[in-house]
């Protein structure tokens, strides 16, 4: 059985990517690591024990295109499980083993939901409860099994205007497909918290590099610009059904088309 981790990267600092690579290398059982450069390859990665794929341009879609291509490559090569890990995040050594244990405890499991530590840029924990899995699962916490591989293309097919909320759209597609998930009971993913809203909820001043994004507003603004026909086509590409009203969220649990 062979497993793959897919890491899209852009212009992250070398130290962050090295930490990411080391955390995959520490997994038991061992896994292959596929790094996909989104238009800005770093030559030093060629000497690392990873597969390094270079895309010739940046796609400016929060890693959706390189993530999709790396995962589809792994699926085509018959990997038994595919996980996503962004370049600025890292794993606990028992992450893969815990995902496999959870999958083995769930009959006909299609994908696994891991849980994450929210980390400040210095690596210390941000004292903030994560969103419940019924509401949101971050891409870094997904471990895809063959029963869910057909959902992978939606990451690359969803309209560009939804890229900033792509993880939420993708999870809605997974839930809408009504497959069987398993949940790892403890936290095995370390997520670099760089959203200002997280620090606001924790009552802290966000770091200078924090992003100020409002997923609800991004989605609402995008929906307001659509016609019934473009919503229909976008739903097919994203794998969910969008409500016709311009300010509603995607229909729960996100029916696939």
Protein backbone atom coordinates (compact mmCIF):
# COMPACT_ATOMS: atom_id res chain seq x y z
CA UNK A 1 0.00 0.00 0.00
CA UNK A 2 1.41 3.40 -0.92
CA UNK A 3 0.22 6.84 0.19
CA UNK A 4 0.87 10.34 -1.10
CA UNK A 5 0.86 13.83 0.34
CA UNK A 6 0.33 16.66 -2.15
CA UNK A 7 1.80 20.10 -1.39
CA UNK A 8 1.18 23.07 -3.67
CA UNK A 9 3.62 25.91 -3.10
CA UNK A 10 4.11 29.43 -4.37
CA UNK A 11 6.73 31.68 -2.78
CA UNK A 12 6.86 30.29 0.76
CA UNK A 13 10.13 30.62 2.65
CA UNK A 14 12.50 27.68 2.40
CA UNK A 15 12.37 27.03 6.15
CA UNK A 16 8.61 26.55 6.01
CA UNK A 17 8.82 24.14 3.09
CA UNK A 18 11.63 22.22 4.78
CA UNK A 19 9.49 21.84 7.90
CA UNK A 20 6.61 20.59 5.76
CA UNK A 21 8.82 18.05 3.95
CA UNK A 22 10.37 16.81 7.21
CA UNK A 23 6.96 16.21 8.76
CA UNK A 24 5.88 14.01 5.84
CA UNK A 25 9.17 12.14 5.91
CA UNK A 26 8.58 11.34 9.60
CA UNK A 27 5.31 9.51 8.94
CA UNK A 28 4.84 5.83 9.71
CA UNK A 29 4.09 4.11 7.42
CA UNK A 30 6.21 5.96 4.92
CA UNK A 31 4.53 8.11 2.28
CA UNK A 32 5.54 9.77 -0.95
CA UNK A 33 5.51 13.55 -1.11
CA UNK A 34 4.52 15.42 -4.27
CA UNK A 35 5.38 19.13 -4.33
CA UNK A 36 3.85 21.20 -7.12
CA UNK A 37 5.33 24.63 -7.87
CA UNK A 38 2.68 27.15 -8.85
CA UNK A 39 4.83 29.08 -11.32
CA UNK A 40 7.72 29.86 -8.96
CA UNK A 41 9.80 26.68 -8.52
CA UNK A 42 12.60 26.59 -5.97
CA UNK A 43 15.55 24.64 -7.36
CA UNK A 44 16.77 23.32 -4.00
CA UNK A 45 13.69 21.09 -3.80
CA UNK A 46 15.08 18.95 -6.66
CA UNK A 47 17.65 17.54 -4.23
CA UNK A 48 15.03 16.55 -1.64
CA UNK A 49 13.46 13.06 -1.37
CA UNK A 50 10.23 14.27 -2.99
CA UNK A 51 8.65 14.48 -6.43
CA UNK A 52 8.92 18.03 -7.69
CA UNK A 53 6.50 19.14 -10.38
CA UNK A 54 6.94 22.57 -11.96
CA UNK A 55 3.99 24.45 -13.44
CA UNK A 56 5.02 27.15 -15.89
CA UNK A 57 2.84 29.91 -14.43
CA UNK A 58 1.04 30.98 -11.29
CA UNK A 59 -2.70 30.28 -11.31
CA UNK A 60 -3.62 32.65 -8.45
CA UNK A 61 -6.29 30.30 -7.09
CA UNK A 62 -4.99 29.59 -3.57
CA UNK A 63 -3.24 26.42 -4.73
CA UNK A 64 -6.32 24.78 -6.24
CA UNK A 65 -4.77 24.07 -9.63
CA UNK A 66 -1.43 22.60 -8.42
CA UNK A 67 -3.27 20.72 -5.66
CA UNK A 68 -5.63 19.15 -8.17
CA UNK A 69 -2.90 18.16 -10.63
CA UNK A 70 -0.76 16.56 -7.92
CA UNK A 71 -3.69 14.63 -6.49
CA UNK A 72 -4.90 13.44 -9.89
CA UNK A 73 -1.39 12.20 -10.64
CA UNK A 74 -1.43 10.22 -7.40
CA UNK A 75 -4.87 8.81 -8.17
CA UNK A 76 -3.76 7.78 -11.66
CA UNK A 77 -0.80 5.96 -10.12
CA UNK A 78 -3.05 3.94 -7.81
CA UNK A 79 -2.07 5.40 -4.48
CA UNK A 80 -4.21 3.93 -1.72
CA UNK A 81 -4.65 7.28 0.02
CA UNK A 82 -4.02 10.93 -0.85
CA UNK A 83 -3.65 13.76 1.65
CA UNK A 84 -3.23 17.50 1.17
CA UNK A 85 -0.66 19.57 3.05
CA UNK A 86 0.01 23.24 2.34
CA UNK A 87 3.64 24.32 2.34
CA UNK A 88 3.38 26.41 5.51
CA UNK A 89 1.79 23.63 7.59
CA UNK A 90 3.22 20.48 9.13
CA UNK A 91 2.12 17.15 10.61
CA UNK A 92 2.51 15.30 13.86
CA UNK A 93 4.46 12.04 13.36
CA UNK A 94 1.35 9.91 13.94
CA UNK A 95 -0.85 11.70 11.42
CA UNK A 96 -0.90 9.07 8.68
CA UNK A 97 -1.10 6.16 11.12
CA UNK A 98 -4.01 7.84 12.89
CA UNK A 99 -5.85 8.43 9.60
CA UNK A 100 -5.39 4.80 8.60
CA UNK A 101 -6.57 3.59 12.00
CA UNK A 102 -9.70 5.75 11.76
CA UNK A 103 -10.36 4.51 8.22
CA UNK A 104 -9.94 0.89 9.30
CA UNK A 105 -12.46 1.38 12.08
CA UNK A 106 -15.14 2.65 9.65
CA UNK A 107 -16.63 0.10 7.24
CA UNK A 108 -16.33 1.17 3.60
CA UNK A 109 -14.68 4.47 4.57
CA UNK A 110 -14.35 6.95 1.70
CA UNK A 111 -12.32 9.71 3.33
CA UNK A 112 -10.88 10.69 6.70
CA UNK A 113 -11.21 13.96 8.60
CA UNK A 114 -8.20 14.84 10.75
CA UNK A 115 -8.15 17.63 13.30
CA UNK A 116 -5.75 20.52 13.61
CA UNK A 117 -3.79 22.62 16.06
CA UNK A 118 -4.03 26.31 15.25
CA UNK A 119 -0.51 27.74 15.48
CA UNK A 120 0.85 31.27 15.66
CA UNK A 121 3.76 32.12 13.33
CA UNK A 122 6.19 31.27 16.17
CA UNK A 123 4.68 27.80 16.44
CA UNK A 124 2.89 28.32 19.74
CA UNK A 125 -0.76 27.25 19.96
CA UNK A 126 -3.50 29.79 19.40
CA UNK A 127 -6.05 29.24 22.21
CA UNK A 128 -9.07 28.98 19.99
CA UNK A 129 -11.47 26.08 19.36
CA UNK A 130 -11.64 25.04 15.74
CA UNK A 131 -14.88 24.98 13.78
CA UNK A 132 -16.86 21.74 14.25
CA UNK A 133 -16.53 19.25 11.41
CA UNK A 134 -20.23 19.58 10.63
CA UNK A 135 -19.50 23.16 9.54
CA UNK A 136 -16.03 23.12 8.05
CA UNK A 137 -12.99 20.91 7.47
CA UNK A 138 -9.77 22.50 6.30
CA UNK A 139 -8.10 21.01 3.22
CA UNK A 140 -5.03 20.05 5.27
CA UNK A 141 -7.24 17.81 7.40
CA UNK A 142 -8.54 15.68 4.50
CA UNK A 143 -7.19 12.21 3.77
CA UNK A 144 -8.83 10.94 0.59
CA UNK A 145 -9.42 7.25 -0.02
CA UNK A 146 -10.29 5.73 -3.43
CA UNK A 147 -14.01 6.03 -2.78
CA UNK A 148 -13.70 9.83 -2.87
CA UNK A 149 -11.15 10.31 -5.66
CA UNK A 150 -13.88 11.34 -8.11
CA UNK A 151 -14.39 14.52 -6.04
CA UNK A 152 -10.77 15.68 -6.46
CA UNK A 153 -11.28 17.42 -9.86
CA UNK A 154 -13.73 19.89 -8.28
CA UNK A 155 -10.79 21.68 -6.68
CA UNK A 156 -9.51 22.62 -10.13
CA UNK A 157 -12.86 22.97 -11.86
CA UNK A 158 -14.59 25.37 -9.47
CA UNK A 159 -14.88 28.94 -10.83
CA UNK A 160 -11.90 31.16 -10.15
CA UNK A 161 -14.05 33.59 -8.19
CA UNK A 162 -14.62 30.91 -5.55
CA UNK A 163 -10.95 30.06 -5.06
CA UNK A 164 -10.67 32.02 -1.79
CA UNK A 165 -13.37 29.79 -0.27
CA UNK A 166 -12.35 26.70 -2.22
CA UNK A 167 -11.85 24.55 0.87
CA UNK A 168 -15.43 25.21 1.96
CA UNK A 169 -16.80 24.54 -1.51
CA UNK A 170 -14.81 21.31 -1.78
CA UNK A 171 -15.99 20.08 1.61
CA UNK A 172 -19.58 20.86 0.63
CA UNK A 173 -19.06 18.70 -2.46
CA UNK A 174 -17.72 15.88 -0.31
CA UNK A 175 -20.66 16.08 2.07
CA UNK A 176 -23.14 16.33 -0.76
CA UNK A 177 -21.82 13.11 -2.29
CA UNK A 178 -23.04 11.34 0.89
CA UNK A 179 -19.97 9.19 1.31
CA UNK A 180 -18.70 7.58 4.51
CA UNK A 181 -16.17 9.66 6.47
CA UNK A 182 -14.13 8.74 9.51
CA UNK A 183 -12.81 11.24 12.06
CA UNK A 184 -9.45 11.12 13.83
CA UNK A 185 -10.25 11.77 17.52
CA UNK A 186 -7.12 13.81 18.29
CA UNK A 187 -5.21 16.62 16.57
CA UNK A 188 -2.47 15.60 14.14
CA UNK A 189 -2.22 18.62 11.79
CA UNK A 190 -0.39 21.84 12.63
CA UNK A 191 -2.02 24.75 10.83
CA UNK A 192 -0.28 28.11 10.56
CA UNK A 193 -3.04 30.54 11.52
CA UNK A 194 -2.77 33.56 9.25
CA UNK A 195 -6.32 34.86 9.23
CA UNK A 196 -7.00 38.04 11.18
CA UNK A 197 -10.46 36.77 12.14
CA UNK A 198 -8.89 33.92 14.13
CA UNK A 199 -6.88 36.33 16.26
CA UNK A 200 -9.90 38.56 16.74
CA UNK A 201 -11.86 35.59 18.08
CA UNK A 202 -8.97 34.77 20.39
CA UNK A 203 -8.76 38.38 21.59
CA UNK A 204 -5.25 38.85 20.20
CA UNK A 205 -3.59 41.28 17.81
CA UNK A 206 -3.06 39.53 14.47
CA UNK A 207 0.47 39.28 13.06
CA UNK A 208 1.39 41.76 10.31
CA UNK A 209 1.12 39.09 7.61
CA UNK A 210 -2.40 38.04 8.63
CA UNK A 211 -5.01 37.86 5.85
CA UNK A 212 -8.26 39.74 6.21
CA UNK A 213 -10.74 37.57 4.38
CA UNK A 214 -14.43 37.11 5.08
CA UNK A 215 -15.55 33.82 3.44
CA UNK A 216 -19.23 34.66 3.81
CA UNK A 217 -18.83 38.04 2.15
CA UNK A 218 -16.66 36.62 -0.65
CA UNK A 219 -19.31 34.05 -1.47
CA UNK A 220 -22.18 36.51 -1.19
CA UNK A 221 -20.46 39.02 -3.50
CA UNK A 222 -19.74 36.30 -6.04
CA UNK A 223 -23.32 35.03 -5.97
CA UNK A 224 -24.68 38.53 -6.59
CA UNK A 225 -22.83 38.65 -9.90
CA UNK A 226 -24.29 35.42 -11.26
CA UNK A 227 -27.25 34.63 -13.46
CA UNK A 228 -29.33 31.47 -13.02
CA UNK A 229 -27.43 29.89 -15.92
CA UNK A 230 -23.96 30.75 -14.61
CA UNK A 231 -24.99 29.42 -11.19
CA UNK A 232 -26.07 26.18 -12.81
CA UNK A 233 -22.78 25.79 -14.65
CA UNK A 234 -20.75 26.81 -11.58
CA UNK A 235 -22.59 24.19 -9.56
CA UNK A 236 -21.64 21.49 -12.01
CA UNK A 237 -18.01 22.53 -11.88
CA UNK A 238 -17.91 22.88 -8.09
CA UNK A 239 -19.91 19.74 -7.39
CA UNK A 240 -22.63 21.48 -5.38
CA UNK A 241 -25.94 23.21 -5.98
CA UNK A 242 -25.92 26.96 -5.48
CA UNK A 243 -29.05 28.67 -4.23
CA UNK A 244 -30.67 31.04 -6.72
CA UNK A 245 -31.01 33.85 -4.18
CA UNK A 246 -27.92 36.08 -4.48
CA UNK A 247 -27.07 36.16 -0.79
CA UNK A 248 -27.69 32.57 0.27
CA UNK A 249 -25.00 30.03 1.04
CA UNK A 250 -24.61 26.82 -1.00
CA UNK A 251 -27.52 24.49 -0.35
CA UNK A 252 -26.73 22.18 2.54
CA UNK A 253 -25.42 19.59 2.45
CA UNK A 254 -24.39 20.56 -1.08
CA UNK A 255 -26.09 18.31 -3.60
CA UNK A 256 -23.81 17.19 -6.41
CA UNK A 257 -24.89 17.50 -10.01
